[in-house]
Amino acid sequence: MTQVYIWLSDGVALFHLGYVLFVLVGLAAILLGAVLRWKWVRDFWFRTVHFLMIAVVVAETFANFTCPLTTLERYLWAKSGVPAESVTEQDSFIGHWVDKLLFPGFPQEILNASYCVVGGAILLALVIAPPRRPSVKLFCRVLDRNRDKRKAA
């Protein structure tokens, strides 16, 4: 049964890493895309989700609230019988290395400052390369197509 908790913890850790990578790689892509005039980096929904993801992290920082993903991962490690602070490669290769990537040993103040800097950079990117508003005409065309399909059926 303890192995199940380790696998679940690994899954949460991988999701957490994916979250962080989406924010960081997304920021790099937006900045590069603004210079290279890539249209997709100005997509309204991509930019909205991207901004909201970092806004949650910054809000947690200011509220002095531990990330729910970190809390869940530590809970699962505790249920497995392995202290989250001392996970080794023998306990879980994935959990060990993902934890090293997410929490490289810097003081919490440095991590909090980095979250705020990335949040500020994403906010600045919204000003420098604003997203395109979703097209109302496109939305209406999709609705019309769906209505036509229902009539034909």
N, C-alpha and C. Protein backbone atom coordinates (compact mmCIF):
# COMPACT_ATOMS: atom_id res chain seq x y z
N MET A 1 0.83 -1.21 0.00
CA MET A 1 0.00 0.00 0.00
C MET A 1 0.87 1.26 0.00
N THR A 2 2.02 1.20 0.66
CA THR A 2 2.88 2.40 0.71
C THR A 2 3.38 2.76 -0.67
N GLN A 3 3.56 1.76 -1.55
CA GLN A 3 4.04 2.04 -2.91
C GLN A 3 3.01 2.88 -3.68
N VAL A 4 1.73 2.68 -3.42
CA VAL A 4 0.68 3.46 -4.08
C VAL A 4 0.83 4.94 -3.71
N TYR A 5 1.10 5.22 -2.45
CA TYR A 5 1.29 6.61 -2.03
C TYR A 5 2.53 7.23 -2.68
N ILE A 6 3.56 6.44 -2.85
CA ILE A 6 4.77 6.94 -3.53
C ILE A 6 4.45 7.27 -4.98
N TRP A 7 3.71 6.39 -5.65
CA TRP A 7 3.33 6.66 -7.05
C TRP A 7 2.45 7.90 -7.14
N LEU A 8 1.50 8.02 -6.23
CA LEU A 8 0.64 9.20 -6.23
C LEU A 8 1.46 10.47 -5.98
N SER A 9 2.40 10.39 -5.05
CA SER A 9 3.27 11.53 -4.77
C SER A 9 4.10 11.89 -6.00
N ASP A 10 4.61 10.88 -6.71
CA ASP A 10 5.36 11.13 -7.94
C ASP A 10 4.48 11.82 -8.98
N GLY A 11 3.23 11.39 -9.07
CA GLY A 11 2.30 12.01 -10.02
C GLY A 11 2.06 13.47 -9.69
N VAL A 12 1.87 13.77 -8.41
CA VAL A 12 1.67 15.16 -7.98
C VAL A 12 2.93 15.97 -8.26
N ALA A 13 4.11 15.38 -7.99
CA ALA A 13 5.37 16.09 -8.24
C ALA A 13 5.54 16.39 -9.72
N LEU A 14 5.21 15.43 -10.57
CA LEU A 14 5.32 15.66 -12.02
C LEU A 14 4.33 16.73 -12.50
N PHE A 15 3.12 16.70 -11.95
CA PHE A 15 2.14 17.73 -12.29
C PHE A 15 2.66 19.10 -11.85
N HIS A 16 3.24 19.17 -10.65
CA HIS A 16 3.80 20.40 -10.11
C HIS A 16 4.91 20.92 -11.02
N LEU A 17 5.79 20.02 -11.45
CA LEU A 17 6.86 20.41 -12.37
C LEU A 17 6.29 20.91 -13.69
N GLY A 18 5.27 20.24 -14.19
CA GLY A 18 4.62 20.68 -15.43
C GLY A 18 4.02 22.07 -15.28
N TYR A 19 3.44 22.35 -14.14
CA TYR A 19 2.87 23.67 -13.85
C TYR A 19 3.95 24.74 -13.92
N VAL A 20 5.06 24.47 -13.24
CA VAL A 20 6.18 25.43 -13.22
C VAL A 20 6.74 25.62 -14.63
N LEU A 21 6.93 24.52 -15.35
CA LEU A 21 7.46 24.61 -16.70
C LEU A 21 6.53 25.37 -17.64
N PHE A 22 5.22 25.15 -17.50
CA PHE A 22 4.27 25.89 -18.33
C PHE A 22 4.43 27.39 -18.11
N VAL A 23 4.57 27.80 -16.85
CA VAL A 23 4.71 29.23 -16.54
C VAL A 23 6.03 29.77 -17.10
N LEU A 24 7.13 29.08 -16.85
CA LEU A 24 8.44 29.58 -17.27
C LEU A 24 8.66 29.50 -18.78
N VAL A 25 8.36 28.35 -19.37
CA VAL A 25 8.52 28.20 -20.81
C VAL A 25 7.51 29.08 -21.54
N GLY A 26 6.32 29.21 -20.97
CA GLY A 26 5.32 30.10 -21.56
C GLY A 26 5.81 31.53 -21.60
N LEU A 27 6.42 32.01 -20.53
CA LEU A 27 6.96 33.37 -20.51
C LEU A 27 8.05 33.54 -21.57
N ALA A 28 8.97 32.58 -21.64
CA ALA A 28 10.04 32.64 -22.65
C ALA A 28 9.45 32.65 -24.06
N ALA A 29 8.44 31.82 -24.30
CA ALA A 29 7.81 31.76 -25.62
C ALA A 29 7.09 33.06 -25.95
N ILE A 30 6.44 33.66 -24.97
CA ILE A 30 5.74 34.93 -25.20
C ILE A 30 6.73 36.02 -25.58
N LEU A 31 7.83 36.10 -24.84
CA LEU A 31 8.83 37.14 -25.14
C LEU A 31 9.48 36.90 -26.49
N LEU A 32 9.86 35.66 -26.77
CA LEU A 32 10.46 35.34 -28.07
C LEU A 32 9.44 35.53 -29.19
N GLY A 33 8.22 35.09 -28.93
CA GLY A 33 7.17 35.22 -29.93
C GLY A 33 6.82 36.67 -30.24
N ALA A 34 6.93 37.55 -29.25
CA ALA A 34 6.68 38.97 -29.49
C ALA A 34 7.72 39.52 -30.45
N VAL A 35 8.97 39.11 -30.28
CA VAL A 35 10.05 39.57 -31.15
C VAL A 35 9.92 38.97 -32.55
N LEU A 36 9.60 37.68 -32.62
CA LEU A 36 9.52 36.98 -33.91
C LEU A 36 8.13 37.05 -34.55
N ARG A 37 7.22 37.75 -33.89
CA ARG A 37 5.85 37.96 -34.38
C ARG A 37 5.06 36.66 -34.57
N TRP A 38 5.22 35.76 -33.61
CA TRP A 38 4.41 34.54 -33.63
C TRP A 38 3.01 34.91 -33.19
N LYS A 39 2.02 34.54 -33.96
CA LYS A 39 0.64 34.90 -33.63
C LYS A 39 0.10 34.15 -32.43
N TRP A 40 0.48 32.90 -32.27
CA TRP A 40 -0.10 32.07 -31.22
C TRP A 40 0.21 32.57 -29.82
N VAL A 41 1.31 33.31 -29.64
CA VAL A 41 1.64 33.78 -28.29
C VAL A 41 0.74 34.92 -27.85
N ARG A 42 -0.07 35.43 -28.75
CA ARG A 42 -1.02 36.48 -28.38
C ARG A 42 -2.44 35.93 -28.22
N ASP A 43 -2.55 34.62 -28.22
CA ASP A 43 -3.86 34.00 -28.04
C ASP A 43 -4.44 34.37 -26.67
N PHE A 44 -5.65 34.86 -26.69
CA PHE A 44 -6.30 35.36 -25.48
C PHE A 44 -6.39 34.29 -24.39
N TRP A 45 -6.84 33.09 -24.73
CA TRP A 45 -7.07 32.06 -23.72
C TRP A 45 -5.75 31.52 -23.16
N PHE A 46 -4.75 31.33 -24.02
CA PHE A 46 -3.43 30.92 -23.55
C PHE A 46 -2.89 31.94 -22.56
N ARG A 47 -2.97 33.20 -22.91
CA ARG A 47 -2.42 34.24 -22.05
C ARG A 47 -3.20 34.39 -20.75
N THR A 48 -4.51 34.21 -20.82
CA THR A 48 -5.34 34.30 -19.61
C THR A 48 -4.98 33.18 -18.63
N VAL A 49 -4.92 31.95 -19.14
CA VAL A 49 -4.56 30.82 -18.28
C VAL A 49 -3.15 31.02 -17.73
N HIS A 50 -2.23 31.44 -18.58
CA HIS A 50 -0.84 31.65 -18.17
C HIS A 50 -0.76 32.68 -17.05
N PHE A 51 -1.45 33.80 -17.21
CA PHE A 51 -1.44 34.84 -16.19
C PHE A 51 -2.07 34.35 -14.89
N LEU A 52 -3.21 33.66 -15.00
CA LEU A 52 -3.89 33.19 -13.79
C LEU A 52 -3.04 32.18 -13.02
N MET A 53 -2.27 31.37 -13.75
CA MET A 53 -1.43 30.38 -13.07
C MET A 53 -0.38 31.06 -12.19
N ILE A 54 0.28 32.11 -12.70
CA ILE A 54 1.28 32.79 -11.88
C ILE A 54 0.61 33.68 -10.84
N ALA A 55 -0.57 34.20 -11.14
CA ALA A 55 -1.29 35.03 -10.17
C ALA A 55 -1.62 34.22 -8.91
N VAL A 56 -1.98 32.96 -9.09
CA VAL A 56 -2.26 32.08 -7.94
C VAL A 56 -1.00 31.92 -7.09
N VAL A 57 0.13 31.70 -7.74
CA VAL A 57 1.39 31.50 -7.02
C VAL A 57 1.79 32.77 -6.26
N VAL A 58 1.67 33.92 -6.91
CA VAL A 58 2.02 35.18 -6.25
C VAL A 58 1.06 35.46 -5.09
N ALA A 59 -0.22 35.19 -5.28
CA ALA A 59 -1.19 35.39 -4.20
C ALA A 59 -0.86 34.48 -3.01
N GLU A 60 -0.48 33.23 -3.28
CA GLU A 60 -0.08 32.32 -2.20
C GLU A 60 1.14 32.87 -1.47
N THR A 61 2.05 33.47 -2.21
CA THR A 61 3.26 34.03 -1.61
C THR A 61 2.91 35.16 -0.66
N PHE A 62 2.07 36.09 -1.12
CA PHE A 62 1.71 37.22 -0.27
C PHE A 62 0.84 36.81 0.91
N ALA A 63 0.07 35.75 0.74
CA ALA A 63 -0.78 35.26 1.84
C ALA A 63 -0.01 34.33 2.78
N ASN A 64 1.26 34.08 2.45
CA ASN A 64 2.10 33.17 3.24
C ASN A 64 1.43 31.79 3.34
N PHE A 65 0.95 31.33 2.19
CA PHE A 65 0.19 30.10 2.08
C PHE A 65 1.03 29.08 1.33
N THR A 66 1.20 27.89 1.87
CA THR A 66 1.96 26.84 1.20
C THR A 66 1.17 26.32 0.01
N CYS A 67 1.87 26.11 -1.09
CA CYS A 67 1.25 25.60 -2.32
C CYS A 67 0.49 24.30 -2.02
N PRO A 68 -0.75 24.20 -2.48
CA PRO A 68 -1.52 22.98 -2.25
C PRO A 68 -0.87 21.74 -2.86
N LEU A 69 -0.16 21.90 -3.97
CA LEU A 69 0.52 20.75 -4.57
C LEU A 69 1.65 20.26 -3.67
N THR A 70 2.39 21.19 -3.09
CA THR A 70 3.46 20.83 -2.15
C THR A 70 2.86 20.15 -0.93
N THR A 71 1.78 20.71 -0.41
CA THR A 71 1.12 20.13 0.75
C THR A 71 0.63 18.71 0.46
N LEU A 72 0.02 18.53 -0.70
CA LEU A 72 -0.48 17.20 -1.08
C LEU A 72 0.67 16.22 -1.25
N GLU A 73 1.73 16.65 -1.90
CA GLU A 73 2.88 15.76 -2.09
C GLU A 73 3.48 15.33 -0.75
N ARG A 74 3.62 16.27 0.16
CA ARG A 74 4.17 15.94 1.50
C ARG A 74 3.24 15.02 2.27
N TYR A 75 1.95 15.24 2.14
CA TYR A 75 0.97 14.37 2.79
C TYR A 75 1.11 12.93 2.28
N LEU A 76 1.23 12.80 0.95
CA LEU A 76 1.35 11.46 0.36
C LEU A 76 2.65 10.79 0.79
N TRP A 77 3.72 11.56 0.89
CA TRP A 77 4.97 10.98 1.38
C TRP A 77 4.82 10.52 2.83
N ALA A 78 4.16 11.32 3.64
CA ALA A 78 3.95 10.93 5.04
C ALA A 78 3.13 9.64 5.11
N LYS A 79 2.11 9.52 4.26
CA LYS A 79 1.29 8.30 4.24
C LYS A 79 2.10 7.08 3.80
N SER A 80 3.13 7.32 2.98
CA SER A 80 3.96 6.21 2.52
C SER A 80 4.97 5.78 3.58
N GLY A 81 5.14 6.61 4.62
CA GLY A 81 6.08 6.28 5.68
C GLY A 81 7.46 6.88 5.48
N VAL A 82 7.65 7.67 4.41
CA VAL A 82 8.94 8.30 4.13
C VAL A 82 8.80 9.79 4.41
N PRO A 83 9.65 10.36 5.27
CA PRO A 83 9.57 11.81 5.51
C PRO A 83 9.87 12.59 4.22
N ALA A 84 9.03 13.55 3.88
CA ALA A 84 9.18 14.30 2.63
C ALA A 84 10.52 15.01 2.54
N GLU A 85 11.08 15.39 3.68
CA GLU A 85 12.33 16.14 3.68
C GLU A 85 13.54 15.26 3.37
N SER A 86 13.37 13.95 3.45
CA SER A 86 14.52 13.07 3.26
C SER A 86 14.26 12.00 2.20
N VAL A 87 13.57 12.36 1.13
CA VAL A 87 13.30 11.41 0.05
C VAL A 87 14.60 11.17 -0.71
N THR A 88 14.95 9.91 -0.87
CA THR A 88 16.17 9.56 -1.60
C THR A 88 15.81 8.93 -2.94
N GLU A 89 16.83 8.73 -3.77
CA GLU A 89 16.59 8.06 -5.05
C GLU A 89 16.08 6.65 -4.84
N GLN A 90 16.48 6.01 -3.75
CA GLN A 90 16.00 4.66 -3.47
C GLN A 90 14.51 4.65 -3.15
N ASP A 91 14.03 5.73 -2.52
CA ASP A 91 12.59 5.83 -2.22
C ASP A 91 11.81 6.08 -3.50
N SER A 92 12.27 7.06 -4.27
CA SER A 92 11.60 7.41 -5.52
C SER A 92 12.54 8.26 -6.36
N PHE A 93 12.95 7.72 -7.49
CA PHE A 93 13.82 8.46 -8.39
C PHE A 93 13.12 9.74 -8.85
N ILE A 94 11.88 9.62 -9.27
CA ILE A 94 11.13 10.77 -9.78
C ILE A 94 10.94 11.80 -8.68
N GLY A 95 10.40 11.37 -7.53
CA GLY A 95 10.15 12.30 -6.44
C GLY A 95 11.41 13.01 -5.98
N HIS A 96 12.50 12.29 -5.90
CA HIS A 96 13.77 12.87 -5.45
C HIS A 96 14.24 13.97 -6.40
N TRP A 97 14.27 13.69 -7.70
CA TRP A 97 14.83 14.66 -8.64
C TRP A 97 13.87 15.80 -8.96
N VAL A 98 12.58 15.52 -8.99
CA VAL A 98 11.63 16.61 -9.20
C VAL A 98 11.68 17.56 -8.00
N ASP A 99 11.79 17.01 -6.81
CA ASP A 99 11.90 17.85 -5.61
C ASP A 99 13.17 18.71 -5.67
N LYS A 100 14.27 18.14 -6.14
CA LYS A 100 15.52 18.90 -6.27
C LYS A 100 15.37 20.04 -7.28
N LEU A 101 14.60 19.79 -8.35
CA LEU A 101 14.38 20.85 -9.36
C LEU A 101 13.46 21.95 -8.84
N LEU A 102 12.40 21.56 -8.16
CA LEU A 102 11.44 22.54 -7.67
C LEU A 102 11.94 23.32 -6.47
N PHE A 103 12.70 22.66 -5.61
CA PHE A 103 13.18 23.29 -4.38
C PHE A 103 14.69 23.09 -4.28
N PRO A 104 15.47 23.91 -5.00
CA PRO A 104 16.91 23.68 -5.11
C PRO A 104 17.72 24.04 -3.86
N GLY A 105 17.08 24.27 -2.74
CA GLY A 105 17.82 24.54 -1.51
C GLY A 105 18.01 26.01 -1.20
N PHE A 106 17.38 26.88 -1.98
CA PHE A 106 17.44 28.31 -1.69
C PHE A 106 16.53 28.63 -0.51
N PRO A 107 16.85 29.71 0.22
CA PRO A 107 15.94 30.12 1.30
C PRO A 107 14.56 30.48 0.73
N GLN A 108 13.53 30.29 1.53
CA GLN A 108 12.16 30.55 1.07
C GLN A 108 11.99 31.99 0.59
N GLU A 109 12.70 32.93 1.19
CA GLU A 109 12.59 34.34 0.77
C GLU A 109 13.05 34.52 -0.67
N ILE A 110 14.10 33.80 -1.07
CA ILE A 110 14.59 33.87 -2.45
C ILE A 110 13.56 33.27 -3.40
N LEU A 111 12.99 32.15 -3.03
CA LEU A 111 11.95 31.53 -3.86
C LEU A 111 10.75 32.46 -3.99
N ASN A 112 10.31 33.05 -2.88
CA ASN A 112 9.18 33.97 -2.92
C ASN A 112 9.47 35.17 -3.82
N ALA A 113 10.68 35.71 -3.73
CA ALA A 113 11.06 36.84 -4.58
C ALA A 113 11.06 36.42 -6.04
N SER A 114 11.52 35.21 -6.33
CA SER A 114 11.54 34.76 -7.72
C SER A 114 10.13 34.59 -8.28
N TYR A 115 9.19 34.13 -7.45
CA TYR A 115 7.80 34.02 -7.90
C TYR A 115 7.26 35.40 -8.27
N CYS A 116 7.57 36.39 -7.44
CA CYS A 116 7.09 37.75 -7.69
C CYS A 116 7.75 38.35 -8.93
N VAL A 117 9.03 38.08 -9.14
CA VAL A 117 9.73 38.59 -10.33
C VAL A 117 9.12 37.98 -11.59
N VAL A 118 8.89 36.68 -11.58
CA VAL A 118 8.27 36.03 -12.74
C VAL A 118 6.86 36.57 -12.95
N GLY A 119 6.11 36.75 -11.87
CA GLY A 119 4.77 37.33 -11.99
C GLY A 119 4.82 38.73 -12.58
N GLY A 120 5.79 39.55 -12.14
CA GLY A 120 5.95 40.89 -12.70
C GLY A 120 6.33 40.85 -14.16
N ALA A 121 7.19 39.90 -14.53
CA ALA A 121 7.59 39.77 -15.94
C ALA A 121 6.40 39.37 -16.81
N ILE A 122 5.56 38.50 -16.30
CA ILE A 122 4.37 38.09 -17.07
C ILE A 122 3.39 39.25 -17.18
N LEU A 123 3.25 40.02 -16.11
CA LEU A 123 2.40 41.21 -16.17
C LEU A 123 2.95 42.22 -17.18
N LEU A 124 4.26 42.41 -17.18
CA LEU A 124 4.90 43.31 -18.14
C LEU A 124 4.71 42.80 -19.57
N ALA A 125 4.79 41.48 -19.75
CA ALA A 125 4.58 40.90 -21.08
C ALA A 125 3.15 41.14 -21.57
N LEU A 126 2.19 41.21 -20.63
CA LEU A 126 0.82 41.52 -21.03
C LEU A 126 0.70 42.93 -21.59
N VAL A 127 1.57 43.83 -21.10
CA VAL A 127 1.57 45.21 -21.58
C VAL A 127 2.36 45.33 -22.88
N ILE A 128 3.55 44.71 -22.92
CA ILE A 128 4.42 44.81 -24.09
C ILE A 128 3.84 44.09 -25.30
N ALA A 129 3.32 42.90 -25.08
CA ALA A 129 2.75 42.08 -26.16
C ALA A 129 1.36 41.63 -25.73
N PRO A 130 0.39 42.54 -25.77
CA PRO A 130 -0.94 42.19 -25.26
C PRO A 130 -1.60 41.08 -26.08
N PRO A 131 -2.42 40.29 -25.41
CA PRO A 131 -3.13 39.23 -26.15
C PRO A 131 -4.20 39.83 -27.05
N ARG A 132 -4.50 39.09 -28.12
CA ARG A 132 -5.61 39.50 -28.99
C ARG A 132 -6.91 39.12 -28.31
N ARG A 133 -7.89 39.96 -28.46
CA ARG A 133 -9.20 39.62 -27.92
C ARG A 133 -9.83 38.54 -28.78
N PRO A 134 -10.59 37.65 -28.15
CA PRO A 134 -11.24 36.60 -28.96
C PRO A 134 -12.24 37.23 -29.91
N SER A 135 -12.30 36.68 -31.09
CA SER A 135 -13.18 37.22 -32.12
C SER A 135 -14.63 36.81 -31.86
N VAL A 136 -15.50 37.79 -31.81
CA VAL A 136 -16.93 37.51 -31.64
C VAL A 136 -17.47 36.87 -32.91
N LYS A 137 -16.96 37.30 -34.08
CA LYS A 137 -17.41 36.73 -35.35
C LYS A 137 -17.09 35.25 -35.42
N LEU A 138 -15.89 34.87 -34.98
CA LEU A 138 -15.51 33.47 -34.98
C LEU A 138 -16.43 32.67 -34.06
N PHE A 139 -16.70 33.19 -32.90
CA PHE A 139 -17.58 32.53 -31.94
C PHE A 139 -18.97 32.34 -32.55
N CYS A 140 -19.48 33.36 -33.24
CA CYS A 140 -20.80 33.27 -33.87
C CYS A 140 -20.80 32.23 -35.00
N ARG A 141 -19.69 32.17 -35.77
CA ARG A 141 -19.60 31.17 -36.84
C ARG A 141 -19.63 29.76 -36.28
N VAL A 142 -18.96 29.53 -35.17
CA VAL A 142 -18.96 28.21 -34.54
C VAL A 142 -20.36 27.86 -34.08
N LEU A 143 -21.06 28.83 -33.48
CA LEU A 143 -22.43 28.58 -33.04
C LEU A 143 -23.34 28.27 -34.22
N ASP A 144 -23.17 29.02 -35.32
CA ASP A 144 -23.98 28.78 -36.52
C ASP A 144 -23.74 27.38 -37.08
N ARG A 145 -22.46 26.96 -37.13
CA ARG A 145 -22.13 25.63 -37.64
C ARG A 145 -22.77 24.55 -36.79
N ASN A 146 -22.73 24.71 -35.48
CA ASN A 146 -23.32 23.72 -34.59
C ASN A 146 -24.83 23.68 -34.76
N ARG A 147 -25.47 24.84 -34.96
CA ARG A 147 -26.91 24.89 -35.17
C ARG A 147 -27.27 24.20 -36.49
N ASP A 148 -26.46 24.43 -37.53
CA ASP A 148 -26.72 23.79 -38.82
C ASP A 148 -26.58 22.28 -38.74
N LYS A 149 -25.61 21.79 -37.96
CA LYS A 149 -25.43 20.36 -37.78
C LYS A 149 -26.62 19.74 -37.07
N ARG A 150 -27.16 20.45 -36.08
CA ARG A 150 -28.32 19.91 -35.35
C ARG A 150 -29.55 19.87 -36.26
N LYS A 151 -29.70 20.86 -37.13
CA LYS A 151 -30.86 20.87 -38.03
C LYS A 151 -30.76 19.74 -39.03
N ALA A 152 -29.55 19.45 -39.49
CA ALA A 152 -29.35 18.39 -40.50
C ALA A 152 -29.57 17.01 -39.90
N ALA A 153 -29.39 16.89 -38.62
CA ALA A 153 -29.50 15.55 -38.00
C ALA A 153 -30.89 15.13 -37.72
